[in-house]
């Protein structure tokens, strides 16, 4: 039987995207501080098949990097500054892994809507990577999680 979480009326979109850098740990902390019980965030794969929390298919809009997310290794993505574009208080905020995000959600008591952003031909690989991360997180008392996708 699949559990159906009760969703609140308001879910922080990409964390608290109007108040902190989107899809970052700082953004999720801010959403919780603003009273959100759930956050929505996007997951993509690095070139070496690690799930990272990132919306766009390219790095330019929200980081100091350039190029496709799916063309960069996890190590390359973790070096990107994903906060400076939002403001100096967020300088040094990094692109989070899905594992780090799920760990923070557990610590904050937040539910998560994990939106899969798969590149064509990598849908099953992304789904498997997310399922593995969720299985690992199950031992850490993560609050409810809903996985969604347009694929």
N, C-alpha and C. Protein backbone atom coordinates (compact mmCIF):
# COMPACT_ATOMS: atom_id res chain seq x y z
N UNK A 1 0.84 -1.18 0.00
CA UNK A 1 0.00 0.00 0.00
C UNK A 1 0.88 1.24 0.00
N UNK A 2 0.54 2.21 -0.82
CA UNK A 2 1.29 3.45 -0.90
C UNK A 2 0.66 4.47 0.03
N UNK A 3 1.48 5.04 0.90
CA UNK A 3 0.98 6.07 1.81
C UNK A 3 0.76 7.36 1.02
N UNK A 4 -0.30 8.04 1.32
CA UNK A 4 -0.59 9.31 0.66
C UNK A 4 -0.45 10.41 1.69
N UNK A 5 0.60 11.22 1.58
CA UNK A 5 0.80 12.27 2.58
C UNK A 5 -0.28 13.34 2.47
N UNK A 6 -0.61 13.93 3.59
CA UNK A 6 -1.53 15.06 3.62
C UNK A 6 -0.69 16.30 3.35
N UNK A 7 -0.99 16.97 2.26
CA UNK A 7 -0.20 18.12 1.86
C UNK A 7 -0.78 19.41 2.43
N UNK A 8 0.09 20.32 2.86
CA UNK A 8 -0.39 21.61 3.34
C UNK A 8 -0.85 22.47 2.16
N UNK A 9 -1.57 23.54 2.45
CA UNK A 9 -2.04 24.44 1.40
C UNK A 9 -0.88 25.19 0.75
N UNK A 10 0.17 25.46 1.52
CA UNK A 10 1.32 26.21 1.01
C UNK A 10 2.56 25.34 1.13
N UNK A 11 3.28 25.20 0.03
CA UNK A 11 4.55 24.48 0.00
C UNK A 11 5.60 25.44 -0.52
N UNK A 12 6.72 25.54 0.17
CA UNK A 12 7.79 26.44 -0.27
C UNK A 12 8.34 26.00 -1.62
N UNK A 13 8.20 26.84 -2.62
CA UNK A 13 8.64 26.51 -3.97
C UNK A 13 10.14 26.71 -4.11
N UNK A 14 10.85 25.62 -4.38
CA UNK A 14 12.31 25.62 -4.44
C UNK A 14 12.90 26.16 -3.14
N UNK A 15 12.24 25.84 -2.05
CA UNK A 15 12.63 26.35 -0.74
C UNK A 15 11.83 27.60 -0.45
N UNK A 16 12.51 28.69 -0.25
CA UNK A 16 11.88 30.01 -0.10
C UNK A 16 12.51 30.91 -1.16
N UNK A 17 12.23 30.61 -2.41
CA UNK A 17 12.96 31.20 -3.54
C UNK A 17 12.91 32.73 -3.60
N UNK A 18 11.92 33.35 -3.00
CA UNK A 18 11.86 34.81 -2.99
C UNK A 18 12.70 35.40 -1.87
N UNK A 19 13.11 34.57 -0.91
CA UNK A 19 13.82 35.06 0.28
C UNK A 19 15.23 34.53 0.43
N UNK A 20 15.59 33.50 -0.35
CA UNK A 20 16.92 32.87 -0.27
C UNK A 20 17.17 32.17 -1.60
N UNK A 21 18.42 31.85 -1.89
CA UNK A 21 18.70 31.19 -3.17
C UNK A 21 17.90 29.90 -3.34
N UNK A 22 17.28 29.75 -4.50
CA UNK A 22 16.42 28.59 -4.75
C UNK A 22 17.20 27.29 -4.74
N UNK A 23 16.52 26.24 -4.30
CA UNK A 23 17.07 24.89 -4.31
C UNK A 23 18.42 24.80 -3.59
N UNK A 24 18.55 25.52 -2.48
CA UNK A 24 19.76 25.43 -1.66
C UNK A 24 19.36 25.08 -0.23
N UNK A 25 20.31 24.61 0.53
CA UNK A 25 20.04 24.31 1.93
C UNK A 25 19.62 25.57 2.67
N UNK A 26 20.22 26.71 2.33
CA UNK A 26 19.82 27.99 2.95
C UNK A 26 18.36 28.30 2.63
N UNK A 27 17.95 28.02 1.40
CA UNK A 27 16.57 28.25 1.01
C UNK A 27 15.59 27.37 1.76
N UNK A 28 15.97 26.13 2.03
CA UNK A 28 15.10 25.23 2.79
C UNK A 28 15.02 25.65 4.25
N UNK A 29 16.16 26.09 4.80
CA UNK A 29 16.13 26.59 6.19
C UNK A 29 15.22 27.82 6.30
N UNK A 30 15.33 28.69 5.31
CA UNK A 30 14.51 29.91 5.31
C UNK A 30 13.03 29.56 5.19
N UNK A 31 12.69 28.61 4.35
CA UNK A 31 11.29 28.19 4.20
C UNK A 31 10.74 27.69 5.54
N UNK A 32 11.52 26.89 6.24
CA UNK A 32 11.09 26.38 7.54
C UNK A 32 10.93 27.53 8.53
N UNK A 33 11.85 28.49 8.52
CA UNK A 33 11.76 29.64 9.42
C UNK A 33 10.53 30.49 9.13
N UNK A 34 10.08 30.49 7.88
CA UNK A 34 8.89 31.24 7.48
C UNK A 34 7.60 30.49 7.77
N UNK A 35 7.71 29.26 8.27
CA UNK A 35 6.53 28.50 8.65
C UNK A 35 6.10 27.42 7.68
N UNK A 36 6.87 27.19 6.64
CA UNK A 36 6.52 26.12 5.70
C UNK A 36 6.73 24.77 6.37
N UNK A 37 5.81 23.84 6.12
CA UNK A 37 5.96 22.47 6.61
C UNK A 37 6.51 21.56 5.52
N UNK A 38 6.42 22.02 4.26
CA UNK A 38 6.90 21.26 3.11
C UNK A 38 7.66 22.21 2.18
N UNK A 39 8.59 21.64 1.43
CA UNK A 39 9.26 22.37 0.36
C UNK A 39 9.26 21.52 -0.91
N UNK A 40 9.21 22.18 -2.04
CA UNK A 40 9.35 21.53 -3.34
C UNK A 40 10.75 21.84 -3.84
N UNK A 41 11.38 20.86 -4.45
CA UNK A 41 12.70 21.10 -5.04
C UNK A 41 12.91 20.15 -6.20
N UNK A 42 13.88 20.49 -7.02
CA UNK A 42 14.13 19.78 -8.27
C UNK A 42 15.41 18.96 -8.17
N UNK A 43 15.42 17.81 -8.81
CA UNK A 43 16.60 16.94 -8.79
C UNK A 43 16.99 16.57 -10.21
N UNK A 44 18.28 16.72 -10.48
CA UNK A 44 18.88 16.35 -11.76
C UNK A 44 20.08 15.45 -11.49
N UNK A 45 20.60 14.85 -12.54
CA UNK A 45 21.80 14.02 -12.41
C UNK A 45 23.03 14.77 -12.91
N UNK A 46 24.12 14.58 -12.18
CA UNK A 46 25.42 15.03 -12.67
C UNK A 46 25.86 14.08 -13.79
N UNK A 47 26.94 14.41 -14.46
CA UNK A 47 27.41 13.53 -15.55
C UNK A 47 27.80 12.16 -15.04
N UNK A 48 28.21 12.09 -13.75
CA UNK A 48 28.60 10.80 -13.17
C UNK A 48 27.46 10.19 -12.34
N UNK A 49 26.21 10.59 -12.67
CA UNK A 49 24.98 9.97 -12.18
C UNK A 49 24.70 10.17 -10.69
N UNK A 50 25.11 11.30 -10.12
CA UNK A 50 24.76 11.63 -8.74
C UNK A 50 23.60 12.62 -8.75
N UNK A 51 22.57 12.39 -7.93
CA UNK A 51 21.45 13.33 -7.89
C UNK A 51 21.80 14.60 -7.11
N UNK A 52 21.59 15.73 -7.77
CA UNK A 52 21.82 17.04 -7.15
C UNK A 52 20.53 17.85 -7.23
N UNK A 53 20.39 18.78 -6.31
CA UNK A 53 19.19 19.60 -6.24
C UNK A 53 19.43 20.86 -7.07
N UNK A 54 18.75 20.92 -8.22
CA UNK A 54 18.96 22.02 -9.15
C UNK A 54 17.79 22.05 -10.12
N UNK A 55 17.29 23.22 -10.44
CA UNK A 55 16.13 23.32 -11.33
C UNK A 55 16.49 23.34 -12.81
N UNK A 56 17.29 24.32 -13.20
CA UNK A 56 17.57 24.54 -14.62
C UNK A 56 18.46 23.44 -15.20
N UNK A 57 18.42 23.30 -16.51
CA UNK A 57 19.34 22.33 -17.12
C UNK A 57 20.73 22.92 -17.31
N UNK A 58 20.85 24.24 -17.13
CA UNK A 58 22.14 24.91 -17.26
C UNK A 58 22.48 25.66 -15.96
N UNK A 59 23.76 25.93 -15.75
CA UNK A 59 24.24 26.53 -14.51
C UNK A 59 24.17 28.06 -14.46
N UNK A 60 24.11 28.72 -15.59
CA UNK A 60 24.33 30.16 -15.66
C UNK A 60 23.40 31.02 -14.80
N UNK A 61 22.11 30.73 -14.75
CA UNK A 61 21.16 31.63 -14.10
C UNK A 61 21.38 31.73 -12.59
N UNK A 62 21.74 30.64 -11.94
CA UNK A 62 21.79 30.65 -10.47
C UNK A 62 23.14 30.31 -9.86
N UNK A 63 24.17 30.16 -10.68
CA UNK A 63 25.50 29.86 -10.11
C UNK A 63 26.57 30.68 -10.82
N UNK A 64 27.80 30.51 -10.36
CA UNK A 64 28.95 31.13 -11.01
C UNK A 64 29.52 30.24 -12.10
N UNK A 65 28.83 29.17 -12.44
CA UNK A 65 29.30 28.23 -13.45
C UNK A 65 28.62 28.44 -14.79
N UNK A 66 29.05 27.66 -15.76
CA UNK A 66 28.47 27.70 -17.10
C UNK A 66 28.38 26.28 -17.62
N UNK A 67 27.41 26.06 -18.50
CA UNK A 67 27.25 24.76 -19.12
C UNK A 67 26.10 23.97 -18.54
N UNK A 68 25.93 22.80 -19.11
CA UNK A 68 24.84 21.93 -18.69
C UNK A 68 25.16 21.23 -17.37
N UNK A 69 24.15 21.15 -16.51
CA UNK A 69 24.31 20.44 -15.24
C UNK A 69 24.70 18.99 -15.51
N UNK A 70 24.04 18.36 -16.46
CA UNK A 70 24.28 16.96 -16.77
C UNK A 70 25.62 16.68 -17.42
N UNK A 71 26.36 17.73 -17.78
CA UNK A 71 27.69 17.55 -18.36
C UNK A 71 28.80 17.73 -17.32
N UNK A 72 28.43 18.13 -16.11
CA UNK A 72 29.41 18.37 -15.05
C UNK A 72 29.42 17.21 -14.06
N UNK A 73 30.60 16.89 -13.55
CA UNK A 73 30.70 15.86 -12.52
C UNK A 73 30.18 16.39 -11.19
N UNK A 74 29.92 15.49 -10.27
CA UNK A 74 29.49 15.91 -8.94
C UNK A 74 30.51 16.85 -8.32
N UNK A 75 31.79 16.52 -8.39
CA UNK A 75 32.81 17.38 -7.80
C UNK A 75 32.78 18.77 -8.40
N UNK A 76 32.59 18.87 -9.71
CA UNK A 76 32.51 20.17 -10.37
C UNK A 76 31.29 20.96 -9.89
N UNK A 77 30.17 20.29 -9.76
CA UNK A 77 28.95 20.96 -9.31
C UNK A 77 29.06 21.44 -7.87
N UNK A 78 29.68 20.64 -7.02
CA UNK A 78 29.80 21.01 -5.60
C UNK A 78 30.72 22.21 -5.38
N UNK A 79 31.51 22.56 -6.37
CA UNK A 79 32.39 23.74 -6.27
C UNK A 79 31.69 25.02 -6.71
N UNK A 80 30.54 24.92 -7.32
CA UNK A 80 29.83 26.09 -7.84
C UNK A 80 29.21 26.89 -6.69
N UNK A 81 29.28 28.20 -6.79
CA UNK A 81 28.63 29.10 -5.84
C UNK A 81 27.20 29.31 -6.32
N UNK A 82 26.25 28.87 -5.52
CA UNK A 82 24.83 28.99 -5.88
C UNK A 82 24.12 30.05 -5.04
N UNK A 83 24.88 30.91 -4.37
CA UNK A 83 24.26 31.91 -3.52
C UNK A 83 24.57 33.35 -3.85
N UNK A 84 25.75 33.62 -4.40
CA UNK A 84 26.16 35.01 -4.63
C UNK A 84 25.21 35.77 -5.53
N UNK A 85 24.61 35.09 -6.52
CA UNK A 85 23.68 35.78 -7.42
C UNK A 85 22.49 36.35 -6.66
N UNK A 86 22.16 35.75 -5.51
CA UNK A 86 21.01 36.17 -4.72
C UNK A 86 21.37 37.35 -3.82
N UNK A 87 22.59 37.34 -3.32
CA UNK A 87 23.04 38.42 -2.45
C UNK A 87 24.29 38.02 -1.70
N UNK A 88 25.02 39.01 -1.20
CA UNK A 88 26.30 38.73 -0.54
C UNK A 88 26.20 37.87 0.71
N UNK A 89 25.06 37.90 1.38
CA UNK A 89 24.88 37.07 2.57
C UNK A 89 24.92 35.58 2.26
N UNK A 90 24.70 35.24 0.99
CA UNK A 90 24.64 33.83 0.59
C UNK A 90 25.86 33.39 -0.21
N UNK A 91 26.88 34.23 -0.25
CA UNK A 91 28.10 33.86 -0.96
C UNK A 91 28.65 32.55 -0.40
N UNK A 92 28.98 31.65 -1.30
CA UNK A 92 29.54 30.37 -0.88
C UNK A 92 28.51 29.27 -0.69
N UNK A 93 27.23 29.59 -0.81
CA UNK A 93 26.19 28.55 -0.73
C UNK A 93 26.37 27.63 -1.93
N UNK A 94 26.35 26.35 -1.72
CA UNK A 94 26.65 25.38 -2.77
C UNK A 94 25.41 24.67 -3.29
N UNK A 95 25.54 24.05 -4.44
CA UNK A 95 24.51 23.17 -4.97
C UNK A 95 24.47 21.95 -4.05
N UNK A 96 23.33 21.62 -3.48
CA UNK A 96 23.29 20.47 -2.57
C UNK A 96 23.06 19.15 -3.29
N UNK A 97 23.56 18.11 -2.71
CA UNK A 97 23.22 16.76 -3.18
C UNK A 97 21.83 16.42 -2.65
N UNK A 98 21.21 15.44 -3.25
CA UNK A 98 19.92 14.98 -2.74
C UNK A 98 20.09 14.41 -1.33
N UNK A 99 21.16 13.67 -1.09
CA UNK A 99 21.39 13.10 0.24
C UNK A 99 21.46 14.19 1.31
N UNK A 100 22.21 15.26 1.04
CA UNK A 100 22.34 16.36 2.01
C UNK A 100 21.00 17.05 2.22
N UNK A 101 20.23 17.18 1.16
CA UNK A 101 18.92 17.82 1.27
C UNK A 101 17.98 16.98 2.12
N UNK A 102 17.94 15.69 1.88
CA UNK A 102 17.07 14.82 2.67
C UNK A 102 17.49 14.80 4.14
N UNK A 103 18.76 14.85 4.39
CA UNK A 103 19.25 14.91 5.77
C UNK A 103 18.79 16.19 6.45
N UNK A 104 18.87 17.32 5.73
CA UNK A 104 18.42 18.58 6.31
C UNK A 104 16.91 18.58 6.53
N UNK A 105 16.15 18.05 5.58
CA UNK A 105 14.70 17.98 5.76
C UNK A 105 14.35 17.19 7.02
N UNK A 106 15.07 16.11 7.25
CA UNK A 106 14.83 15.31 8.46
C UNK A 106 15.12 16.14 9.71
N UNK A 107 16.22 16.86 9.69
CA UNK A 107 16.60 17.67 10.85
C UNK A 107 15.59 18.79 11.10
N UNK A 108 15.02 19.36 10.03
CA UNK A 108 14.08 20.47 10.16
C UNK A 108 12.63 20.01 10.29
N UNK A 109 12.38 18.73 10.08
CA UNK A 109 11.01 18.23 10.13
C UNK A 109 10.17 18.65 8.95
N UNK A 110 10.81 18.87 7.81
CA UNK A 110 10.10 19.30 6.60
C UNK A 110 9.74 18.12 5.71
N UNK A 111 8.57 18.18 5.10
CA UNK A 111 8.21 17.26 4.04
C UNK A 111 8.81 17.78 2.74
N UNK A 112 8.97 16.89 1.77
CA UNK A 112 9.59 17.31 0.52
C UNK A 112 8.88 16.78 -0.71
N UNK A 113 8.63 17.67 -1.65
CA UNK A 113 8.14 17.28 -2.97
C UNK A 113 9.35 17.27 -3.89
N UNK A 114 9.81 16.10 -4.23
CA UNK A 114 11.00 15.91 -5.05
C UNK A 114 10.55 15.85 -6.51
N UNK A 115 10.86 16.90 -7.28
CA UNK A 115 10.47 16.90 -8.69
C UNK A 115 11.64 16.43 -9.53
N UNK A 116 11.43 15.37 -10.28
CA UNK A 116 12.48 14.80 -11.12
C UNK A 116 12.61 15.61 -12.41
N UNK A 117 13.82 16.02 -12.72
CA UNK A 117 14.13 16.77 -13.94
C UNK A 117 15.12 15.94 -14.74
N UNK A 118 14.62 15.01 -15.50
CA UNK A 118 15.49 14.08 -16.23
C UNK A 118 15.79 14.59 -17.63
N UNK A 119 17.03 14.39 -18.04
CA UNK A 119 17.39 14.62 -19.43
C UNK A 119 16.85 13.45 -20.24
N UNK A 120 16.48 13.69 -21.49
CA UNK A 120 15.98 12.59 -22.33
C UNK A 120 16.96 11.42 -22.36
N UNK A 121 16.43 10.23 -22.12
CA UNK A 121 17.24 9.03 -22.10
C UNK A 121 17.84 8.69 -20.75
N UNK A 122 17.70 9.59 -19.77
CA UNK A 122 18.26 9.34 -18.43
C UNK A 122 17.17 9.24 -17.37
N UNK A 123 15.92 9.10 -17.80
CA UNK A 123 14.81 9.07 -16.86
C UNK A 123 14.93 7.91 -15.87
N UNK A 124 15.19 6.73 -16.35
CA UNK A 124 15.29 5.57 -15.45
C UNK A 124 16.49 5.67 -14.53
N UNK A 125 17.58 6.20 -15.03
CA UNK A 125 18.78 6.37 -14.21
C UNK A 125 18.51 7.36 -13.08
N UNK A 126 17.83 8.46 -13.40
CA UNK A 126 17.48 9.43 -12.36
C UNK A 126 16.53 8.81 -11.34
N UNK A 127 15.51 8.12 -11.81
CA UNK A 127 14.55 7.50 -10.89
C UNK A 127 15.24 6.52 -9.96
N UNK A 128 16.16 5.72 -10.48
CA UNK A 128 16.89 4.76 -9.65
C UNK A 128 17.77 5.46 -8.63
N UNK A 129 18.44 6.55 -9.03
CA UNK A 129 19.31 7.29 -8.12
C UNK A 129 18.49 7.93 -6.99
N UNK A 130 17.33 8.47 -7.34
CA UNK A 130 16.46 9.08 -6.32
C UNK A 130 15.91 8.00 -5.39
N UNK A 131 15.49 6.87 -5.94
CA UNK A 131 14.99 5.78 -5.10
C UNK A 131 16.07 5.31 -4.12
N UNK A 132 17.31 5.23 -4.57
CA UNK A 132 18.41 4.82 -3.67
C UNK A 132 18.61 5.84 -2.56
N UNK A 133 18.57 7.12 -2.92
CA UNK A 133 18.73 8.17 -1.90
C UNK A 133 17.60 8.13 -0.89
N UNK A 134 16.38 7.91 -1.37
CA UNK A 134 15.24 7.83 -0.45
C UNK A 134 15.35 6.62 0.47
N UNK A 135 15.84 5.51 -0.04
CA UNK A 135 16.04 4.32 0.78
C UNK A 135 17.07 4.59 1.87
N UNK A 136 18.15 5.28 1.52
CA UNK A 136 19.16 5.64 2.53
C UNK A 136 18.57 6.58 3.58
N UNK A 137 17.74 7.51 3.12
CA UNK A 137 17.16 8.51 4.03
C UNK A 137 16.11 7.91 4.95
N UNK A 138 15.54 6.79 4.57
CA UNK A 138 14.48 6.18 5.38
C UNK A 138 14.96 5.85 6.79
N UNK A 139 16.24 5.63 6.95
CA UNK A 139 16.79 5.32 8.27
C UNK A 139 17.03 6.58 9.10
N UNK A 140 16.89 7.75 8.48
CA UNK A 140 17.18 9.01 9.18
C UNK A 140 15.94 9.78 9.59
N UNK A 141 14.79 9.11 9.55
CA UNK A 141 13.54 9.71 9.99
C UNK A 141 13.16 10.94 9.18
N UNK A 142 13.30 10.84 7.87
CA UNK A 142 12.88 11.92 7.00
C UNK A 142 11.36 12.04 7.06
N UNK A 143 10.90 13.27 7.08
CA UNK A 143 9.45 13.50 7.03
C UNK A 143 8.92 12.99 5.69
N UNK A 144 7.66 13.12 5.49
CA UNK A 144 7.02 12.61 4.26
C UNK A 144 7.66 13.17 3.00
N UNK A 145 7.70 12.32 1.97
CA UNK A 145 8.27 12.71 0.68
C UNK A 145 7.29 12.30 -0.41
N UNK A 146 7.11 13.21 -1.36
CA UNK A 146 6.31 12.96 -2.55
C UNK A 146 7.22 13.16 -3.75
N UNK A 147 7.26 12.19 -4.66
CA UNK A 147 8.09 12.30 -5.86
C UNK A 147 7.16 12.59 -7.03
N UNK A 148 7.51 13.65 -7.80
CA UNK A 148 6.71 14.04 -8.95
C UNK A 148 7.62 14.20 -10.16
N UNK A 149 7.00 14.13 -11.34
CA UNK A 149 7.77 14.28 -12.58
C UNK A 149 6.81 14.58 -13.73
N UNK A 150 7.29 15.33 -14.70
CA UNK A 150 6.54 15.57 -15.92
C UNK A 150 6.90 14.53 -16.98
N UNK A 151 7.88 13.69 -16.69
CA UNK A 151 8.29 12.65 -17.64
C UNK A 151 7.37 11.45 -17.51
